[in-house]
Structure formats: C-alpha cells, structure tokens
Amino acid sequence: MQEITYWVNGEFVPASKAMMPLNQRGYRLGDAVFDTERTFGGRVFRLTQHLERLARSLAYTRIAPGLSMQELGRITEETVARNQPLVEEYGDFWVTQTISRGGGPPTAPGPGFASVIMEPLLFERVAEHYTQGVPLVIPSVRASASGGLDPKVKCVSRMHLVLADIEAKTINSKALGLLLDEHGDLAEVLYGNIFVVKGGRIATPEARAILEGVTRNTTLELIRETGLPLSERRLQPYDLHTADEAFVTTTSYCLMPVGSLNGQPIGAERPGPVTRELMQGWNRLAGFDIAEQARTYAARRKAAPLAIAGMTR
C-alpha cells in the first residue's frame, strides 16, 4: 500500500518517516498557527482563501513563516498531486498547513518550522448526519473569551475545543459540541459554524467573536444567491430550540442539517427545505453529491475498516 506523503520543512517524506524536533515551540507551547482545507475529487477547494486566512494568523501572532504564501500554495498543490493515486482508495482528504515559531529557548525562538500533511476524511463518522441531522450538545466549556487571543486566529492550541468535544461525546457519542460565548450566546460548533432558519429567514452569529470559516463565507454566498433574508446577529440557544431548521458548516463535510440540541429535535424534517437547497448548492461547487460520497465511503469502510499506511488514528 502506498503511504500518504507529507511535506515537512522542505522535504517530501512518507507519513511514517515524518519527524519534528521536540524543542519546537508549536509542540511545547502550542506556539503555531495552521489552516485546513478539503479536497473535492482530489482537488483542493478554495486554497487561496485558506492561505489568506493563514497569512492573517501569522501576522497577528508575529510568526515568521520562512516562505511566502505563494510558495506554500505551490507546495500544497504538489503534496496533493503526489497523493493523487490514493484518492480512489480513501476518497477525499483534509489538507493542513502548520507553521511553528521554531525551536530553541522560549525567549529566543529559532527559524520557523512548516509542514503540509494530508489525512483521509472520516466519512463513516458523519454519513448519517446528512439525512438524520447532527445532534448538538452545549458543553460547559465556553468559546474563546473576549480579551484573550482573538478567535479569528487559527492557532494550534485547541485545548478548549478538545475538552468541549470530550464532554459533548460523553453525553452523546455522535454529538458535535455547540459552544456559547461569555454572554451565553451561540458562538460556533466544534471546527465550524452554526446557522438557524425561522420563517424563511436565515441567521448566524456575527463574525465579531468567531473564527470566520471559509466554508461559512462560501455558504453566505450561496444564501445570497437564493435571495433569502440573511442576518448576522447575536443568537441564543432559544433561537435554535425554536428554529424551523438549522444547519452547521465545516471545512470537512461542508453543510449538514442539525438534528437536535441537547436531545430536543430541531424542526419537523431533516434536512429542511432551506438546508436541502443549500446542500444542492454545495454539490454544484463540488461537482458531485457530497452526502452520497460520504455514504459510499462509509459503507466501504464498514466492510473493510480504514487502514492508513504509516499512520494510526
């Protein structure tokens, strides 16, 4: 079996041979930023927009990447090309660029350390959500509080999200955590964004205190094409509980309906009509039926569990 190929600080290497010095600040302190895309049919979707966000994260954290975003884009495309023979076997991939401030003492970091890795999308974990809706659980962990690190920065330190995920899945093993902000308003779902639909009107939390997802912004474009009323505003759990329908957007799985919140069903049908229309919009962008791809690969992996050469998950 061919291994997945990574690019690690200047070299293309098999995943099992990838190494990083343990004095890297990204490893020791979470002093690193990253961005992640997905592929559609082996092609990276909206790479430019993701790299623009990565550049903003680098500027905010004052990390010197050691290469331009144009160079990183070319490296990313080359990494994807080298893994193209694996597309039929694995389906599509996450593609992640990570840049650490470097190694050395905390007060004197060395040159930056960069990598581009690819991982198969775990379709088997989400395939049923496209038709049944993803269950949401509100954990006790809150989204990044104002006054700390700006949530628009995509930094490696994601401990609050990890703890939120553990708590949500303790309640429901299939759930996605929905984080509130310090005011008790809806902030974001784990690694994604939340939208509610009521009376044909769509609303989503304002971008002031969330990570502005590229998938979120793409979905906003699709909504504007429909002509449906759209607002970005403060939303409370009440607004989700009483919604006609709701959906989440994530880089990995694009757009999925919400099935329930804390065990209470959302809406009369899943997906609802607005969600279905937007799912079709995403299918047009991908060039295929995204939910059907997930079901196909989930069925394959049920028969033959995913084995990733050189990696363990």
Protein backbone atom coordinates (compact mmCIF):
# COMPACT_ATOMS: atom_id res chain seq x y z
CA MET A 1 0.00 0.00 0.00
CA GLN A 2 1.34 3.43 -0.92
CA GLU A 3 1.82 5.70 2.07
CA ILE A 4 0.43 9.18 2.28
CA THR A 5 3.13 11.73 1.50
CA TYR A 6 3.77 14.77 3.70
CA TRP A 7 5.89 17.86 3.13
CA VAL A 8 7.95 18.58 6.24
CA ASN A 9 10.12 21.70 6.39
CA GLY A 10 11.48 21.41 2.88
CA GLU A 11 11.22 17.68 2.19
CA PHE A 12 8.57 15.32 0.86
CA VAL A 13 8.51 12.23 3.09
CA PRO A 14 6.26 9.21 3.72
CA ALA A 15 3.92 9.82 6.66
CA SER A 16 5.67 7.15 8.75
CA LYS A 17 9.01 8.94 8.33
CA ALA A 18 7.82 12.46 9.18
CA MET A 19 9.66 13.92 12.17
CA MET A 20 9.70 17.15 14.14
CA PRO A 21 12.27 18.26 16.75
CA LEU A 22 10.76 18.06 20.22
CA ASN A 23 12.00 21.54 21.08
CA GLN A 24 9.60 23.08 18.58
CA ARG A 25 7.53 25.79 20.22
CA GLY A 26 4.49 24.55 18.35
CA TYR A 27 4.85 21.24 20.20
CA ARG A 28 5.92 22.64 23.57
CA LEU A 29 3.76 25.74 23.81
CA GLY A 30 1.15 25.50 21.08
CA ASP A 31 3.03 28.44 19.54
CA ALA A 32 1.96 27.75 15.97
CA VAL A 33 -0.83 28.51 13.54
CA PHE A 34 -2.47 26.34 10.91
CA ASP A 35 -5.18 26.15 8.31
CA THR A 36 -7.04 23.22 6.82
CA GLU A 37 -8.78 22.67 3.50
CA ARG A 38 -10.55 19.69 2.00
CA THR A 39 -10.31 18.24 -1.46
CA PHE A 40 -13.10 17.57 -3.93
CA GLY A 41 -12.14 14.74 -6.26
CA GLY A 42 -8.52 15.22 -5.27
CA ARG A 43 -8.50 18.99 -5.89
CA VAL A 44 -8.06 21.48 -3.05
CA PHE A 45 -11.11 23.70 -2.55
CA ARG A 46 -10.54 27.44 -2.13
CA LEU A 47 -6.87 27.13 -1.24
CA THR A 48 -6.26 30.83 -1.83
CA GLN A 49 -8.85 31.88 0.75
CA HIS A 50 -7.44 29.47 3.33
CA LEU A 51 -3.90 30.69 2.77
CA GLU A 52 -5.08 34.28 3.09
CA ARG A 53 -6.54 33.41 6.49
CA LEU A 54 -3.30 31.64 7.43
CA ALA A 55 -1.37 34.78 6.47
CA ARG A 56 -3.61 36.83 8.78
CA SER A 57 -2.99 34.38 11.62
CA LEU A 58 0.77 34.62 11.01
CA ALA A 59 0.64 38.41 11.01
CA TYR A 60 -1.38 38.53 14.23
CA THR A 61 0.94 36.11 16.06
CA ARG A 62 4.09 37.64 14.52
CA ILE A 63 5.37 34.25 13.38
CA ALA A 64 7.85 34.42 10.50
CA PRO A 65 6.90 31.55 8.17
CA GLY A 66 10.18 31.41 6.24
CA LEU A 67 8.34 31.16 2.92
CA SER A 68 5.68 33.10 1.06
CA MET A 69 2.05 32.06 0.82
CA GLN A 70 2.58 31.64 -2.92
CA GLU A 71 5.37 29.15 -2.21
CA LEU A 72 3.25 27.37 0.37
CA GLY A 73 0.43 27.18 -2.16
CA ARG A 74 2.69 25.53 -4.72
CA ILE A 75 3.98 23.10 -2.08
CA THR A 76 0.40 22.27 -1.09
CA GLU A 77 -0.59 21.56 -4.69
CA GLU A 78 2.48 19.36 -5.12
CA THR A 79 1.68 17.45 -1.93
CA VAL A 80 -1.86 16.83 -3.19
CA ALA A 81 -0.54 15.74 -6.60
CA ARG A 82 1.83 13.22 -5.01
CA ASN A 83 -1.10 11.70 -3.12
CA GLN A 84 -3.44 11.64 -6.13
CA PRO A 85 -3.12 7.83 -6.59
CA LEU A 86 -4.76 7.42 -3.15
CA VAL A 87 -7.94 9.35 -3.97
CA GLU A 88 -9.90 6.34 -5.23
CA GLU A 89 -8.97 4.30 -2.16
CA TYR A 90 -9.52 6.93 0.52
CA GLY A 91 -11.93 9.35 -1.13
CA ASP A 92 -11.12 12.96 -0.33
CA PHE A 93 -8.71 14.45 2.18
CA TRP A 94 -8.04 17.09 4.77
CA VAL A 95 -5.01 19.16 3.77
CA THR A 96 -3.35 21.06 6.63
CA GLN A 97 -0.56 23.64 6.63
CA THR A 98 1.06 24.24 10.05
CA ILE A 99 3.74 26.80 10.85
CA SER A 100 5.51 26.86 14.24
CA ARG A 101 7.54 29.79 15.52
CA GLY A 102 10.53 27.44 15.72
CA GLY A 103 12.70 25.74 18.31
CA GLY A 104 15.16 26.92 20.90
CA PRO A 105 14.60 28.64 24.26
CA PRO A 106 11.19 30.26 24.77
CA THR A 107 12.77 33.72 24.72
CA ALA A 108 14.87 33.09 21.60
CA PRO A 109 12.99 31.01 19.02
CA GLY A 110 14.85 29.69 16.02
CA PRO A 111 13.69 29.60 12.37
CA GLY A 112 10.08 28.70 11.69
CA PHE A 113 9.07 25.08 11.06
CA ALA A 114 6.45 24.38 8.39
CA SER A 115 4.57 21.29 7.25
CA VAL A 116 1.79 20.22 4.89
CA ILE A 117 0.01 16.97 5.70
CA MET A 118 -2.96 15.08 4.29
CA GLU A 119 -5.44 12.83 6.11
CA PRO A 120 -8.43 10.91 4.73
CA LEU A 121 -11.81 12.39 5.60
CA LEU A 122 -13.63 10.17 8.10
CA PHE A 123 -16.88 9.78 6.18
CA GLU A 124 -18.02 6.92 8.39
CA ARG A 125 -18.43 9.32 11.32
CA VAL A 126 -20.80 11.70 9.57
CA ALA A 127 -22.58 9.96 6.69
CA GLU A 128 -25.85 9.52 8.57
CA HIS A 129 -25.91 13.17 9.62
CA TYR A 130 -26.74 14.33 6.09
CA THR A 131 -30.15 12.64 6.32
CA GLN A 132 -30.78 12.39 10.08
CA GLY A 133 -29.14 15.60 11.21
CA VAL A 134 -26.17 16.01 13.51
CA PRO A 135 -27.02 16.08 17.23
CA LEU A 136 -25.65 19.13 19.04
CA VAL A 137 -24.77 19.33 22.72
CA ILE A 138 -23.88 22.51 24.61
CA PRO A 139 -20.87 21.71 26.83
CA SER A 140 -19.82 23.70 29.90
CA VAL A 141 -16.66 24.82 28.07
CA ARG A 142 -17.09 28.27 26.55
CA ALA A 143 -15.72 29.65 23.30
CA SER A 144 -12.58 31.77 23.45
CA ALA A 145 -13.39 34.69 25.72
CA SER A 146 -13.03 38.26 24.57
CA GLY A 147 -9.88 39.88 25.91
CA GLY A 148 -7.79 36.79 25.26
CA LEU A 149 -6.49 35.51 21.94
CA ASP A 150 -8.68 36.75 19.12
CA PRO A 151 -10.87 33.81 17.98
CA LYS A 152 -10.25 34.80 14.36
CA VAL A 153 -6.71 33.41 14.77
CA LYS A 154 -6.47 29.72 13.88
CA CYS A 155 -3.83 28.67 16.39
CA VAL A 156 -2.66 25.15 17.20
CA SER A 157 -3.69 25.40 20.85
CA ARG A 158 -7.21 23.95 20.73
CA MET A 159 -7.48 22.53 24.25
CA HIS A 160 -10.82 24.19 24.94
CA LEU A 161 -12.25 22.55 21.81
CA VAL A 162 -10.81 19.17 22.76
CA LEU A 163 -12.40 19.37 26.21
CA ALA A 164 -15.70 20.54 24.72
CA ASP A 165 -15.65 17.59 22.31
CA ILE A 166 -14.94 15.10 25.10
CA GLU A 167 -17.78 16.49 27.18
CA ALA A 168 -20.25 16.51 24.28
CA LYS A 169 -19.41 12.95 23.26
CA THR A 170 -19.72 11.76 26.86
CA ILE A 171 -23.36 12.81 26.60
CA ASN A 172 -23.89 11.59 23.02
CA SER A 173 -21.13 9.72 21.20
CA LYS A 174 -22.30 11.12 17.85
CA ALA A 175 -22.74 14.70 19.02
CA LEU A 176 -20.99 17.85 17.94
CA GLY A 177 -20.32 20.42 20.64
CA LEU A 178 -22.02 23.81 20.28
CA LEU A 179 -20.07 26.41 22.23
CA LEU A 180 -21.55 29.51 23.79
CA ASP A 181 -19.64 32.75 24.28
CA GLU A 182 -19.14 34.51 27.62
CA HIS A 183 -22.60 36.10 27.30
CA GLY A 184 -24.36 32.77 26.76
CA ASP A 185 -24.95 33.47 23.07
CA LEU A 186 -24.30 30.92 20.33
CA ALA A 187 -20.69 31.12 19.15
CA GLU A 188 -19.68 28.19 16.97
CA VAL A 189 -19.73 24.42 16.70
CA LEU A 190 -16.54 22.44 17.03
CA TYR A 191 -14.46 23.33 13.98
CA GLY A 192 -17.40 25.00 12.26
CA ASN A 193 -20.29 27.46 12.29
CA ILE A 194 -24.00 27.37 13.08
CA PHE A 195 -27.00 28.75 11.14
CA VAL A 196 -30.68 28.84 12.12
CA VAL A 197 -33.75 29.21 9.87
CA LYS A 198 -37.05 30.67 11.09
CA GLY A 199 -39.92 31.76 8.87
CA GLY A 200 -37.73 31.60 5.77
CA ARG A 201 -35.12 33.88 7.35
CA ILE A 202 -31.57 32.69 7.97
CA ALA A 203 -29.43 33.93 10.84
CA THR A 204 -25.91 33.13 12.01
CA PRO A 205 -23.73 34.54 14.80
CA GLU A 206 -21.93 37.71 13.81
CA ALA A 207 -18.27 37.37 12.86
CA ARG A 208 -17.04 39.62 15.66
CA ALA A 209 -16.09 36.83 18.05
CA ILE A 210 -15.79 33.65 15.99
CA LEU A 211 -13.37 32.05 13.58
CA GLU A 212 -14.58 33.22 10.18
CA GLY A 213 -14.83 29.91 8.37
CA VAL A 214 -14.10 29.79 4.67
CA THR A 215 -16.96 27.31 4.43
CA ARG A 216 -19.16 29.77 6.34
CA ASN A 217 -18.31 32.53 3.89
CA THR A 218 -18.95 30.23 0.92
CA THR A 219 -22.33 29.35 2.41
CA LEU A 220 -23.13 33.05 2.85
CA GLU A 221 -22.51 33.45 -0.89
CA LEU A 222 -24.90 30.58 -1.64
CA ILE A 223 -27.56 32.08 0.65
CA ARG A 224 -27.32 35.44 -1.09
CA GLU A 225 -27.81 33.67 -4.42
CA THR A 226 -31.11 32.25 -3.14
CA GLY A 227 -32.36 35.70 -2.23
CA LEU A 228 -33.47 34.54 1.23
CA PRO A 229 -33.23 37.12 4.02
CA LEU A 230 -29.96 36.77 5.93
CA SER A 231 -28.73 38.37 9.14
CA GLU A 232 -25.56 38.08 11.20
CA ARG A 233 -26.50 38.77 14.80
CA ARG A 234 -26.46 37.57 18.37
CA LEU A 235 -28.33 34.30 18.79
CA GLN A 236 -29.30 32.43 21.93
CA PRO A 237 -29.98 28.72 22.48
CA TYR A 238 -33.67 29.69 22.49
CA ASP A 239 -33.37 30.74 18.84
CA LEU A 240 -32.05 27.31 17.92
CA HIS A 241 -34.60 25.41 20.02
CA THR A 242 -37.44 27.25 18.28
CA ALA A 243 -35.99 27.23 14.75
CA ASP A 244 -37.79 25.66 11.79
CA GLU A 245 -34.48 24.13 10.79
CA ALA A 246 -30.77 24.62 11.38
CA PHE A 247 -27.51 23.55 9.83
CA VAL A 248 -23.78 23.58 10.50
CA THR A 249 -20.92 24.30 8.13
CA THR A 250 -17.43 22.81 8.39
CA THR A 251 -14.44 22.54 6.07
CA SER A 252 -14.54 18.76 6.26
CA TYR A 253 -18.16 17.99 5.49
CA CYS A 254 -19.41 21.30 4.05
CA LEU A 255 -23.02 21.62 5.23
CA MET A 256 -25.12 19.28 7.35
CA PRO A 257 -28.57 19.65 8.95
CA VAL A 258 -28.92 19.84 12.72
CA GLY A 259 -30.99 17.02 14.18
CA SER A 260 -31.30 18.04 17.81
CA LEU A 261 -29.99 20.30 20.56
CA ASN A 262 -29.39 18.69 23.94
CA GLY A 263 -31.72 15.86 22.90
CA GLN A 264 -34.58 18.10 21.71
CA PRO A 265 -35.39 17.70 17.98
CA ILE A 266 -34.98 20.77 15.80
CA GLY A 267 -37.62 21.31 13.12
CA ALA A 268 -40.17 18.95 11.62
CA GLU A 269 -37.92 17.40 8.97
CA ARG A 270 -34.22 16.89 8.44
CA PRO A 271 -32.90 18.27 6.27
CA GLY A 272 -35.41 21.09 5.96
CA PRO A 273 -36.16 22.77 2.62
CA VAL A 274 -33.67 25.63 3.03
CA THR A 275 -30.94 23.25 4.14
CA ARG A 276 -31.66 20.96 1.16
CA GLU A 277 -31.38 23.88 -1.25
CA LEU A 278 -28.03 24.92 0.21
CA MET A 279 -26.77 21.32 0.19
CA GLN A 280 -27.53 21.27 -3.53
CA GLY A 281 -25.55 24.47 -3.90
CA TRP A 282 -22.58 22.78 -2.27
CA ASN A 283 -22.98 19.79 -4.58
CA ARG A 284 -22.69 22.13 -7.56
CA LEU A 285 -19.46 23.58 -6.17
CA ALA A 286 -18.03 20.12 -5.51
CA GLY A 287 -19.13 18.66 -8.82
CA PHE A 288 -20.78 15.66 -7.16
CA ASP A 289 -23.23 14.68 -4.41
CA ILE A 290 -21.29 15.25 -1.17
CA ALA A 291 -23.68 13.25 1.01
CA GLU A 292 -23.66 10.33 -1.43
CA GLN A 293 -19.86 10.30 -1.40
CA ALA A 294 -19.93 10.11 2.40
CA ARG A 295 -22.43 7.24 2.35
CA THR A 296 -20.44 5.34 -0.29
CA TYR A 297 -17.15 5.50 1.60
CA ALA A 298 -18.83 4.88 4.95
CA ALA A 299 -20.29 1.64 3.54
CA ARG A 300 -16.91 0.60 2.16
CA ARG A 301 -15.22 1.18 5.49
CA LYS A 302 -17.90 -0.71 7.37
CA ALA A 303 -17.00 -3.72 5.23
CA ALA A 304 -13.25 -3.01 5.38
CA PRO A 305 -12.19 -0.57 8.13
CA LEU A 306 -9.90 2.25 7.08
CA ALA A 307 -6.21 1.34 7.20
CA ILE A 308 -3.80 4.21 6.63
CA ALA A 309 -0.28 3.14 5.78
CA GLY A 310 2.24 4.82 8.04
CA MET A 311 -0.45 6.33 10.27
CA THR A 312 -2.71 5.43 13.14
CA ARG A 313 -5.91 7.28 14.09
